[in-house]
Amino acid sequence: MRERFAVQITKYVRAFPRDVVGFEYGKQLIRCGCSPGANYEEADESASLKDFIYKIRACLQESKETRYWLSLSKAAFGENELNTWLVNEVDEPIKIFNARLARALKRSQSPDSNDAPEL
């Protein structure tokens, strides 16, 4: 799913106007829209619970930033089918990242936490 979302972001950005606004919005969307997938891969390979929490927070922040830029681009360039799909699709990883972060934070506060990232 992460790869499909990133590919769809790039397809969406390719349709932006070739002007200063289109380039800036596109640059922002490519950066934040492709980042959560890479950060999630890293989070799953975390050596510690603290590192996992840090990386999942990054996933969550980048996903929320993606939602913002999608909303902004919709307002600037109009709504289309791909924008609608992306806006709906970005909410799912946000829910997943929130749930994994909550479990990790709860586990990190547990007195018997062994600092392993397994969640």
C-alpha atoms as a PDB file:
ATOM      1  CA  MET A   1       0.000   0.000   0.000  1.00  0.00           C
ATOM      2  CA  ARG A   2       2.781   2.468   0.890  1.00  0.00           C
ATOM      3  CA  GLU A   3       4.405   2.101  -2.514  1.00  0.00           C
ATOM      4  CA  ARG A   4       1.095   2.529  -4.347  1.00  0.00           C
ATOM      5  CA  PHE A   5       0.358   5.725  -2.444  1.00  0.00           C
ATOM      6  CA  ALA A   6       3.797   7.173  -3.248  1.00  0.00           C
ATOM      7  CA  VAL A   7       3.414   6.286  -6.935  1.00  0.00           C
ATOM      8  CA  GLN A   8      -0.016   7.921  -7.051  1.00  0.00           C
ATOM      9  CA  ILE A   9       1.399  11.058  -5.398  1.00  0.00           C
ATOM     10  CA  THR A  10       3.992  11.320  -8.160  1.00  0.00           C
ATOM     11  CA  LYS A  11       1.319  10.851 -10.853  1.00  0.00           C
ATOM     12  CA  TYR A  12      -0.810  13.527  -9.211  1.00  0.00           C
ATOM     13  CA  VAL A  13       2.077  16.001  -9.027  1.00  0.00           C
ATOM     14  CA  ARG A  14       2.981  15.473 -12.699  1.00  0.00           C
ATOM     15  CA  ALA A  15      -0.352  17.077 -13.614  1.00  0.00           C
ATOM     16  CA  PHE A  16       0.390  20.298 -11.703  1.00  0.00           C
ATOM     17  CA  PRO A  17       0.877  23.508 -13.680  1.00  0.00           C
ATOM     18  CA  ARG A  18       4.453  24.166 -14.681  1.00  0.00           C
ATOM     19  CA  ASP A  19       4.781  27.424 -12.778  1.00  0.00           C
ATOM     20  CA  VAL A  20       6.282  28.502  -9.471  1.00  0.00           C
ATOM     21  CA  VAL A  21       3.210  27.418  -7.477  1.00  0.00           C
ATOM     22  CA  GLY A  22       2.944  24.047  -9.187  1.00  0.00           C
ATOM     23  CA  PHE A  23       6.648  23.361  -8.676  1.00  0.00           C
ATOM     24  CA  GLU A  24       6.570  24.319  -4.991  1.00  0.00           C
ATOM     25  CA  TYR A  25       3.403  22.372  -4.198  1.00  0.00           C
ATOM     26  CA  GLY A  26       4.760  19.421  -6.133  1.00  0.00           C
ATOM     27  CA  LYS A  27       8.094  19.494  -4.330  1.00  0.00           C
ATOM     28  CA  GLN A  28       6.352  19.582  -0.960  1.00  0.00           C
ATOM     29  CA  LEU A  29       3.936  16.786  -1.850  1.00  0.00           C
ATOM     30  CA  ILE A  30       6.627  14.499  -3.235  1.00  0.00           C
ATOM     31  CA  ARG A  31       8.749  14.992  -0.113  1.00  0.00           C
ATOM     32  CA  CYS A  32       6.058  14.446   2.500  1.00  0.00           C
ATOM     33  CA  GLY A  33       3.929  12.013   0.482  1.00  0.00           C
ATOM     34  CA  CYS A  34       6.754   9.545  -0.129  1.00  0.00           C
ATOM     35  CA  SER A  35       8.442   9.899   3.264  1.00  0.00           C
ATOM     36  CA  PRO A  36       6.029   7.906   5.486  1.00  0.00           C
ATOM     37  CA  GLY A  37       6.649   4.684   3.579  1.00  0.00           C
ATOM     38  CA  ALA A  38      10.406   4.940   3.992  1.00  0.00           C
ATOM     39  CA  ASN A  39      10.123   5.953   7.643  1.00  0.00           C
ATOM     40  CA  TYR A  40       7.726   3.071   8.307  1.00  0.00           C
ATOM     41  CA  GLU A  41      10.232   0.612   6.850  1.00  0.00           C
ATOM     42  CA  GLU A  42      12.865   2.047   9.184  1.00  0.00           C
ATOM     43  CA  ALA A  43      10.507   1.958  12.178  1.00  0.00           C
ATOM     44  CA  ASP A  44       9.912  -1.754  11.688  1.00  0.00           C
ATOM     45  CA  GLU A  45      13.672  -2.296  11.885  1.00  0.00           C
ATOM     46  CA  SER A  46      14.195  -0.123  14.973  1.00  0.00           C
ATOM     47  CA  ALA A  47      16.738  -1.327  17.479  1.00  0.00           C
ATOM     48  CA  SER A  48      14.896   0.160  20.448  1.00  0.00           C
ATOM     49  CA  LEU A  49      11.434   1.215  21.517  1.00  0.00           C
ATOM     50  CA  LYS A  50      12.620   4.826  21.768  1.00  0.00           C
ATOM     51  CA  ASP A  51      13.841   4.740  18.169  1.00  0.00           C
ATOM     52  CA  PHE A  52      10.574   3.134  17.038  1.00  0.00           C
ATOM     53  CA  ILE A  53       8.550   5.900  18.714  1.00  0.00           C
ATOM     54  CA  TYR A  54      10.696   8.564  17.064  1.00  0.00           C
ATOM     55  CA  LYS A  55      10.263   7.047  13.596  1.00  0.00           C
ATOM     56  CA  ILE A  56       6.524   6.412  13.944  1.00  0.00           C
ATOM     57  CA  ARG A  57       6.096  10.033  15.025  1.00  0.00           C
ATOM     58  CA  ALA A  58       7.913  11.057  11.841  1.00  0.00           C
ATOM     59  CA  CYS A  59       5.516   8.874   9.817  1.00  0.00           C
ATOM     60  CA  LEU A  60       2.557  10.525  11.484  1.00  0.00           C
ATOM     61  CA  GLN A  61       3.873  14.058  11.000  1.00  0.00           C
ATOM     62  CA  GLU A  62       4.686  13.499   7.322  1.00  0.00           C
ATOM     63  CA  SER A  63       1.278  11.897   6.700  1.00  0.00           C
ATOM     64  CA  LYS A  64      -0.498  14.859   8.257  1.00  0.00           C
ATOM     65  CA  GLU A  65       1.644  17.232   6.202  1.00  0.00           C
ATOM     66  CA  THR A  66       0.679  15.258   3.096  1.00  0.00           C
ATOM     67  CA  ARG A  67      -2.986  15.696   3.967  1.00  0.00           C
ATOM     68  CA  TYR A  68      -2.405  19.456   4.282  1.00  0.00           C
ATOM     69  CA  TRP A  69      -0.659  19.777   0.893  1.00  0.00           C
ATOM     70  CA  LEU A  70      -3.330  17.643  -0.775  1.00  0.00           C
ATOM     71  CA  SER A  71      -5.988  19.957   0.610  1.00  0.00           C
ATOM     72  CA  LEU A  72      -4.054  23.017  -0.463  1.00  0.00           C
ATOM     73  CA  SER A  73      -3.459  21.678  -3.966  1.00  0.00           C
ATOM     74  CA  LYS A  74      -7.147  20.840  -4.292  1.00  0.00           C
ATOM     75  CA  ALA A  75      -7.997  24.451  -3.440  1.00  0.00           C
ATOM     76  CA  ALA A  76      -5.342  25.821  -5.796  1.00  0.00           C
ATOM     77  CA  PHE A  77      -5.741  23.510  -8.805  1.00  0.00           C
ATOM     78  CA  GLY A  78      -9.222  22.058  -8.397  1.00  0.00           C
ATOM     79  CA  GLU A  79     -10.493  18.674  -7.372  1.00  0.00           C
ATOM     80  CA  ASN A  80     -10.043  15.595  -9.477  1.00  0.00           C
ATOM     81  CA  GLU A  81     -10.487  11.869  -9.009  1.00  0.00           C
ATOM     82  CA  LEU A  82      -6.872  11.229  -8.019  1.00  0.00           C
ATOM     83  CA  ASN A  83      -6.866  14.040  -5.453  1.00  0.00           C
ATOM     84  CA  THR A  84     -10.050  12.630  -3.905  1.00  0.00           C
ATOM     85  CA  TRP A  85      -8.543   9.137  -3.752  1.00  0.00           C
ATOM     86  CA  LEU A  86      -5.318  10.426  -2.175  1.00  0.00           C
ATOM     87  CA  VAL A  87      -7.168  12.487   0.458  1.00  0.00           C
ATOM     88  CA  ASN A  88      -9.238   9.446   1.424  1.00  0.00           C
ATOM     89  CA  GLU A  89      -6.231   7.126   1.327  1.00  0.00           C
ATOM     90  CA  VAL A  90      -3.949   9.262   3.530  1.00  0.00           C
ATOM     91  CA  ASP A  91      -6.346   8.943   6.471  1.00  0.00           C
ATOM     92  CA  GLU A  92      -5.743   5.194   6.791  1.00  0.00           C
ATOM     93  CA  PRO A  93      -1.997   5.366   7.553  1.00  0.00           C
ATOM     94  CA  ILE A  94      -2.666   8.249   9.946  1.00  0.00           C
ATOM     95  CA  LYS A  95      -4.979   5.952  11.917  1.00  0.00           C
ATOM     96  CA  ILE A  96      -2.418   3.133  11.824  1.00  0.00           C
ATOM     97  CA  PHE A  97       0.458   5.373  12.913  1.00  0.00           C
ATOM     98  CA  ASN A  98      -1.634   6.849  15.739  1.00  0.00           C
ATOM     99  CA  ALA A  99      -2.543   3.376  16.998  1.00  0.00           C
ATOM    100  CA  ARG A 100       1.031   2.078  16.812  1.00  0.00           C
ATOM    101  CA  LEU A 101       2.344   5.212  18.510  1.00  0.00           C
ATOM    102  CA  ALA A 102      -0.213   4.929  21.326  1.00  0.00           C
ATOM    103  CA  ARG A 103       0.719   1.273  21.924  1.00  0.00           C
ATOM    104  CA  ALA A 104       4.424   2.086  21.869  1.00  0.00           C
ATOM    105  CA  LEU A 105       4.030   4.993  24.299  1.00  0.00           C
ATOM    106  CA  LYS A 106       1.977   2.826  26.624  1.00  0.00           C
ATOM    107  CA  ARG A 107       4.573   0.099  26.434  1.00  0.00           C
ATOM    108  CA  SER A 108       7.409   2.557  27.064  1.00  0.00           C
ATOM    109  CA  GLN A 109       5.747   3.607  30.319  1.00  0.00           C
ATOM    110  CA  SER A 110       5.314   0.026  31.477  1.00  0.00           C
ATOM    111  CA  PRO A 111       7.648  -0.927  34.336  1.00  0.00           C
ATOM    112  CA  ASP A 112       8.456  -4.241  32.669  1.00  0.00           C
ATOM    113  CA  SER A 113       9.331  -2.684  29.292  1.00  0.00           C
ATOM    114  CA  ASN A 114      12.458  -4.276  27.889  1.00  0.00           C
ATOM    115  CA  ASP A 115      12.881  -1.498  25.304  1.00  0.00           C
ATOM    116  CA  ALA A 116      12.175  -3.862  22.412  1.00  0.00           C
ATOM    117  CA  PRO A 117      10.260  -2.299  19.526  1.00  0.00           C
ATOM    118  CA  GLU A 118       8.006  -5.333  18.928  1.00  0.00           C
ATOM    119  CA  LEU A 119       4.449  -4.025  18.564  1.00  0.00           C
END
